[in-house]
Protein backbone atom coordinates (compact mmCIF):
# COMPACT_ATOMS: atom_id res chain seq x y z
CA MET A 1 123.20 -15.12 -64.66
CA LYS A 2 120.90 -12.33 -65.86
CA THR A 3 117.43 -13.43 -66.96
CA ALA A 4 114.70 -11.96 -69.14
CA PHE A 5 111.04 -12.98 -69.12
CA ILE A 6 109.52 -12.77 -72.61
CA PHE A 7 105.94 -12.89 -73.89
CA PRO A 8 104.58 -13.82 -77.35
CA GLY A 9 102.31 -11.86 -79.65
CA GLN A 10 99.48 -12.60 -82.05
CA GLY A 11 99.79 -15.87 -83.95
CA ALA A 12 100.82 -17.99 -80.95
CA GLN A 13 97.22 -18.90 -80.03
CA TYR A 14 95.66 -22.37 -80.27
CA VAL A 15 92.29 -23.84 -79.34
CA GLY A 16 92.61 -25.31 -75.85
CA MET A 17 95.01 -22.63 -74.66
CA ALA A 18 95.01 -21.92 -70.91
CA ALA A 19 92.51 -24.77 -70.36
CA ASP A 20 94.70 -26.49 -67.74
CA PHE A 21 95.27 -23.23 -65.83
CA LEU A 22 91.53 -22.49 -65.81
CA ALA A 23 90.70 -26.00 -64.61
CA GLU A 24 93.16 -25.74 -61.72
CA ASP A 25 92.29 -22.25 -60.49
CA PRO A 26 88.66 -21.03 -60.20
CA ALA A 27 89.92 -17.47 -59.59
CA LEU A 28 91.49 -17.41 -63.05
CA LYS A 29 88.28 -18.68 -64.61
CA SER A 30 86.39 -15.90 -62.84
CA ILE A 31 88.64 -13.31 -64.48
CA VAL A 32 87.70 -14.58 -67.95
CA GLU A 33 84.02 -14.98 -67.09
CA ASN A 34 83.90 -11.41 -65.77
CA PHE A 35 85.66 -10.22 -68.91
CA ASP A 36 83.02 -11.91 -71.08
CA LEU A 37 80.21 -10.40 -69.01
CA SER A 38 81.60 -6.87 -69.15
CA HIS A 39 82.61 -6.96 -72.83
CA GLY A 40 79.84 -9.10 -74.32
CA THR A 41 82.40 -11.56 -75.70
CA GLN A 42 83.05 -15.30 -75.88
CA LEU A 43 86.66 -15.30 -74.73
CA LEU A 44 86.35 -18.37 -72.49
CA GLN A 45 84.77 -20.41 -75.28
CA ALA A 46 87.26 -19.14 -77.88
CA MET A 47 90.23 -20.22 -75.76
CA THR A 48 89.03 -23.56 -74.45
CA GLU A 49 86.67 -24.86 -77.15
CA GLY A 50 87.12 -22.69 -80.22
CA PRO A 51 86.34 -22.96 -83.04
CA GLU A 52 89.61 -21.63 -84.44
CA ASP A 53 87.80 -19.00 -86.52
CA LEU A 54 86.40 -17.52 -83.31
CA LEU A 55 89.77 -17.50 -81.56
CA LYS A 56 91.42 -15.87 -84.60
CA GLN A 57 89.24 -12.78 -84.24
CA THR A 58 91.79 -10.16 -83.24
CA HIS A 59 89.72 -8.64 -80.42
CA LEU A 60 89.67 -12.12 -78.78
CA THR A 61 93.11 -13.35 -79.82
CA GLN A 62 94.89 -10.52 -78.05
CA PRO A 63 93.34 -10.88 -74.56
CA ALA A 64 93.53 -14.69 -74.90
CA ILE A 65 97.30 -14.68 -75.44
CA LEU A 66 97.88 -12.07 -72.75
CA PHE A 67 95.78 -14.01 -70.23
CA HIS A 68 97.49 -17.32 -71.02
CA SER A 69 100.91 -15.68 -70.68
CA ILE A 70 100.13 -14.26 -67.25
CA CYS A 71 98.66 -17.59 -66.09
CA ALA A 72 101.96 -19.22 -67.01
CA LEU A 73 103.94 -16.49 -65.28
CA ARG A 74 101.92 -16.78 -62.06
CA LEU A 75 102.39 -20.54 -61.99
CA PHE A 76 106.14 -20.03 -62.40
CA GLN A 77 106.18 -17.54 -59.54
CA GLN A 78 104.52 -20.11 -57.29
CA HIS A 79 107.47 -22.48 -57.87
CA PHE A 80 110.46 -20.16 -58.26
CA ALA A 81 111.79 -17.05 -56.54
CA LEU A 82 113.63 -15.99 -59.71
CA THR A 83 113.27 -12.26 -60.45
CA PRO A 84 113.95 -11.14 -64.03
CA ASP A 85 116.39 -8.39 -64.92
CA PHE A 86 114.26 -7.40 -67.91
CA VAL A 87 110.85 -8.22 -69.36
CA ALA A 88 109.92 -7.91 -73.03
CA GLY A 89 107.11 -8.92 -75.34
CA HIS A 90 106.55 -9.13 -79.09
CA SER A 91 103.95 -6.54 -80.20
CA LEU A 92 100.84 -7.54 -78.20
CA GLY A 93 103.25 -9.33 -75.82
CA GLU A 94 104.54 -5.96 -74.64
CA PHE A 95 101.27 -5.56 -72.71
CA SER A 96 101.97 -8.91 -71.03
CA ALA A 97 105.44 -7.64 -70.14
CA LEU A 98 103.88 -4.53 -68.57
CA VAL A 99 101.67 -6.75 -66.40
CA ALA A 100 104.73 -8.78 -65.40
CA SER A 101 106.54 -5.59 -64.44
CA GLY A 102 103.61 -4.32 -62.38
CA ILE A 103 102.94 -1.33 -64.65
CA LEU A 104 99.46 -2.59 -65.63
CA ARG A 105 96.85 -4.71 -63.84
CA LEU A 106 95.94 -7.93 -65.66
CA GLU A 107 92.28 -6.97 -66.05
CA ASP A 108 93.17 -3.50 -67.35
CA ALA A 109 95.64 -4.94 -69.84
CA MET A 110 93.08 -7.48 -71.08
CA HIS A 111 90.60 -4.68 -71.69
CA LEU A 112 93.18 -2.55 -73.50
CA VAL A 113 94.35 -5.29 -75.84
CA HIS A 114 90.73 -6.23 -76.56
CA LYS A 115 90.09 -2.63 -77.59
CA ARG A 116 93.43 -2.54 -79.42
CA GLY A 117 92.30 -5.51 -81.50
CA GLU A 118 88.94 -3.85 -82.25
CA TYR A 119 90.62 -0.59 -83.19
CA MET A 120 93.17 -2.23 -85.50
CA ILE A 121 90.41 -3.88 -87.52
CA LYS A 122 88.11 -0.83 -87.53
CA ALA A 123 90.92 1.50 -88.64
CA VAL A 124 91.55 -0.41 -91.88
CA GLY A 125 88.02 -0.08 -93.23
CA ASP A 126 87.65 -1.58 -96.70
CA ILE A 127 91.31 -1.23 -97.76
CA PRO A 128 92.64 -4.55 -99.19
CA PHE A 129 95.62 -5.47 -96.98
CA ALA A 130 98.15 -8.24 -96.44
CA MET A 131 101.08 -9.32 -94.31
CA ALA A 132 103.81 -11.83 -95.15
CA ALA A 133 106.94 -13.30 -93.60
CA VAL A 134 110.06 -13.05 -95.76
CA ILE A 135 112.52 -15.84 -94.96
CA GLY A 136 116.16 -15.97 -95.98
CA LEU A 137 117.03 -12.30 -96.50
CA ASP A 138 118.67 -9.90 -94.07
CA PRO A 139 116.57 -7.07 -92.62
CA ASP A 140 118.30 -4.32 -94.59
CA THR A 141 117.56 -6.07 -97.87
CA VAL A 142 113.89 -6.54 -96.95
CA THR A 143 113.65 -2.88 -95.90
CA ALA A 144 115.13 -1.78 -99.26
CA ILE A 145 112.72 -4.06 -101.12
CA CYS A 146 109.79 -2.47 -99.31
CA GLN A 147 111.06 1.01 -100.14
CA GLU A 148 111.12 0.05 -103.82
CA ALA A 149 107.68 -1.59 -103.76
CA ASN A 150 106.33 1.37 -101.80
CA GLN A 151 106.59 3.45 -104.96
CA ILE A 152 103.71 1.36 -106.31
CA ALA A 153 101.64 0.81 -103.16
CA LEU A 154 102.20 1.05 -99.40
CA VAL A 155 104.25 -1.74 -97.82
CA GLN A 156 106.70 -1.68 -94.93
CA ALA A 157 109.00 -3.99 -92.99
CA VAL A 158 107.21 -4.21 -89.64
CA ASN A 159 108.52 -7.16 -87.59
CA TYR A 160 112.28 -7.64 -87.43
CA ASN A 161 112.00 -11.11 -85.92
CA THR A 162 115.38 -12.75 -86.61
CA PRO A 163 118.44 -11.98 -88.76
CA ILE A 164 116.77 -13.92 -91.62
CA GLN A 165 113.03 -13.41 -90.96
CA THR A 166 111.27 -10.10 -91.44
CA VAL A 167 107.51 -9.58 -91.67
CA ILE A 168 106.14 -7.06 -94.16
CA SER A 169 102.76 -5.36 -93.97
CA GLY A 170 100.64 -2.96 -96.00
CA THR A 171 98.20 -2.85 -98.88
CA LYS A 172 97.60 -6.11 -100.72
CA GLU A 173 99.15 -4.66 -103.87
CA GLY A 174 102.22 -3.42 -102.03
CA VAL A 175 102.85 -6.69 -100.17
CA THR A 176 102.37 -8.72 -103.38
CA LYS A 177 104.93 -6.54 -105.18
CA ALA A 178 107.41 -6.78 -102.30
CA MET A 179 107.05 -10.58 -102.17
CA ALA A 180 107.86 -10.80 -105.88
CA LEU A 181 110.92 -8.58 -105.43
CA ALA A 182 112.05 -10.63 -102.41
CA LYS A 183 111.92 -13.84 -104.44
CA GLU A 184 113.98 -12.16 -107.16
CA LYS A 185 116.54 -11.18 -104.49
CA GLY A 186 116.84 -14.80 -103.33
CA ALA A 187 114.37 -15.13 -100.47
CA LYS A 188 113.94 -18.78 -99.52
CA ARG A 189 110.24 -18.33 -98.82
CA CYS A 190 107.58 -15.62 -98.66
CA ILE A 191 104.73 -16.81 -96.48
CA PRO A 192 101.39 -14.92 -96.52
CA LEU A 193 100.05 -14.51 -92.99
CA VAL A 194 96.41 -14.84 -91.96
CA VAL A 195 95.85 -11.61 -90.07
CA GLY A 196 93.07 -9.16 -89.34
CA GLY A 197 94.81 -6.05 -90.60
CA PRO A 198 98.01 -4.42 -91.89
CA PHE A 199 99.48 -4.16 -88.41
CA HIS A 200 102.27 -1.72 -87.52
CA THR A 201 101.71 0.50 -90.57
CA PRO A 202 100.18 3.96 -91.12
CA LEU A 203 97.06 2.16 -92.41
CA VAL A 204 96.07 1.61 -88.76
CA ALA A 205 96.92 5.17 -87.66
CA LYS A 206 93.40 5.76 -86.36
CA ALA A 207 93.87 2.78 -84.04
CA SER A 208 96.82 4.56 -82.45
CA THR A 209 94.70 7.64 -81.76
CA TRP A 210 91.86 5.60 -80.30
CA LEU A 211 94.19 3.46 -78.16
CA ILE A 212 95.96 6.51 -76.73
CA GLU A 213 92.57 7.91 -75.71
CA GLU A 214 91.50 4.59 -74.14
CA MET A 215 94.79 4.17 -72.26
CA GLY A 216 94.21 7.58 -70.69
CA LYS A 217 91.39 6.04 -68.64
CA PHE A 218 93.74 3.61 -66.86
CA SER A 219 96.60 3.83 -64.38
CA PHE A 220 100.12 2.97 -65.55
CA HIS A 221 102.11 2.41 -62.36
CA PRO A 222 105.88 2.51 -61.73
CA GLY A 223 107.25 -0.91 -62.68
CA ARG A 224 109.36 -3.36 -60.69
CA THR A 225 111.33 -4.50 -63.74
CA PRO A 226 112.54 -2.58 -66.81
CA VAL A 227 110.47 -3.30 -69.94
CA VAL A 228 112.36 -3.44 -73.24
CA SER A 229 110.20 -1.61 -75.75
CA ASN A 230 109.46 -2.80 -79.29
CA LEU A 231 109.53 0.83 -80.39
CA ASP A 232 113.18 1.64 -79.73
CA ALA A 233 114.72 -1.45 -78.03
CA LYS A 234 115.34 0.57 -74.87
CA ALA A 235 114.38 -0.33 -71.31
CA SER A 236 112.26 1.63 -68.85
CA ALA A 237 110.16 0.90 -65.77
CA ASP A 238 108.33 4.24 -66.01
CA GLY A 239 104.58 3.74 -66.52
CA ASN A 240 104.15 7.05 -68.33
CA VAL A 241 106.93 6.15 -70.76
CA ALA A 242 105.27 2.78 -71.35
CA ARG A 243 101.94 4.41 -72.14
CA GLU A 244 103.54 6.82 -74.61
CA LYS A 245 105.47 4.07 -76.38
CA LEU A 246 102.42 1.80 -76.71
CA GLY A 247 100.59 4.54 -78.57
CA LYS A 248 103.38 4.69 -81.13
CA GLN A 249 104.10 0.94 -81.18
CA ILE A 250 100.85 0.12 -82.97
CA ILE A 251 102.02 1.97 -86.13
CA SER A 252 105.77 1.30 -85.80
CA PRO A 253 108.04 -1.70 -86.54
CA VAL A 254 108.61 -4.35 -83.87
CA ARG A 255 112.38 -4.21 -83.32
CA TRP A 256 112.71 -7.67 -81.81
CA VAL A 257 116.25 -8.40 -83.01
CA GLU A 258 117.45 -5.09 -81.59
CA SER A 259 115.58 -5.76 -78.34
CA VAL A 260 117.26 -9.14 -77.87
CA ASN A 261 120.66 -7.70 -78.76
CA PHE A 262 120.08 -4.92 -76.21
CA MET A 263 119.40 -7.50 -73.51
CA LYS A 264 122.39 -9.58 -74.59
CA GLU A 265 124.68 -6.56 -74.34
CA ALA A 266 123.20 -5.85 -70.90
CA GLY A 267 124.34 -9.31 -69.80
CA VAL A 268 121.19 -11.42 -70.26
CA GLN A 269 122.12 -15.06 -70.86
CA ARG A 270 118.82 -16.75 -70.05
CA TYR A 271 115.33 -16.22 -71.46
CA ILE A 272 112.08 -17.75 -70.18
CA GLU A 273 109.06 -17.49 -72.46
CA PHE A 274 105.59 -17.46 -70.91
CA GLY A 275 102.55 -18.16 -73.07
CA PRO A 276 101.13 -20.32 -75.85
CA ASN A 277 103.53 -22.21 -78.10
CA LYS A 278 107.25 -21.45 -78.24
CA VAL A 279 107.43 -18.87 -81.01
CA LEU A 280 109.80 -16.44 -79.31
CA SER A 281 112.06 -19.22 -78.03
CA GLY A 282 112.80 -20.19 -81.62
CA MET A 283 113.51 -16.57 -82.53
CA ILE A 284 115.86 -16.07 -79.58
CA LYS A 285 117.95 -19.08 -80.60
CA LYS A 286 118.44 -17.54 -84.05
CA ILE A 287 119.47 -14.17 -82.61
CA ASP A 288 121.65 -15.27 -79.66
CA LYS A 289 122.88 -18.82 -80.21
CA GLU A 290 124.65 -18.94 -76.82
CA ALA A 291 121.60 -18.02 -74.75
CA GLU A 292 119.75 -20.48 -72.54
CA VAL A 293 116.09 -20.52 -73.58
CA TYR A 294 113.16 -22.10 -71.72
CA SER A 295 109.40 -21.89 -72.08
CA LEU A 296 106.26 -22.39 -70.03
CA ASP A 297 103.07 -23.02 -72.01
CA ARG A 298 101.22 -25.68 -69.99
CA ILE A 299 101.27 -26.75 -66.34
CA VAL A 300 103.27 -29.87 -67.20
CA ASP A 301 106.17 -27.66 -68.32
CA ILE A 302 106.92 -26.79 -64.69
CA ALA A 303 108.47 -30.24 -64.13
CA GLU A 304 111.07 -29.65 -66.85
CA LEU A 305 111.87 -26.17 -65.55
CA GLU A 306 112.40 -27.51 -62.04
CA LYS A 307 115.07 -29.84 -63.42
CA VAL A 308 117.08 -27.02 -64.97
CA LEU A 309 116.42 -24.01 -62.75
CA ASN A 310 116.58 -25.50 -59.23
């Protein structure tokens, strides 16, 4: 049975995340403490104690989720010899996937996503923005709605999460118009998202430029496992390809449905999600109903995995 390891993106965080991993392994705690010292941040506090408003700051959210995901992966690797056929992550989670593949070091990836979060907020400036999840319409319909609303103000379909859930992003005016059109077209719900910027749109184009420059300071190694890219739903273990795609990913749609369908067509029947909450597990079940889906968020989850994977 072919297996994919998958990693969540922004929005999966919660106060108390990674606390059990940190308590069990002083070496992991040292990684976060060193990160805080070198970046002048409060990442350890944000993850373990909060408050939620601190953790929701994008420049902390992104390294927090990545770190938690890799803690979960390393715990899994201590208990199982299972090697994935593919790795993939949703938006920010693609950096976690690159760490899992061996393309990026954990510490380097944490730095890059911290800067990515800073850049995404800085790039927007004072432009009023919004993001929203449209539930109950197919992706093509949501894309067409955005094209219509775009005539008034910028809005785009940016996260193709499931066959009936697509996230839109852009100016506040554009997203508001698209939400109204979606409801007219029969959307079950349009849920405004609490985010730090209009992610994956041209409004954060400067962030792409800055991130490309920052990534040039770090080594992207040949990977052990092919990484399925959000950008084009294609797989590669080439570090240089990964770097190039990450620069474009920040202003491009997350093609998650296509990515899962790519893995399905390649023979993947089992997905294991590493990281906070079980957001991607729910998405996978809506895309590939026949797939086996498991998740590892906390240390206690290992017991359940040992029942089904051994």
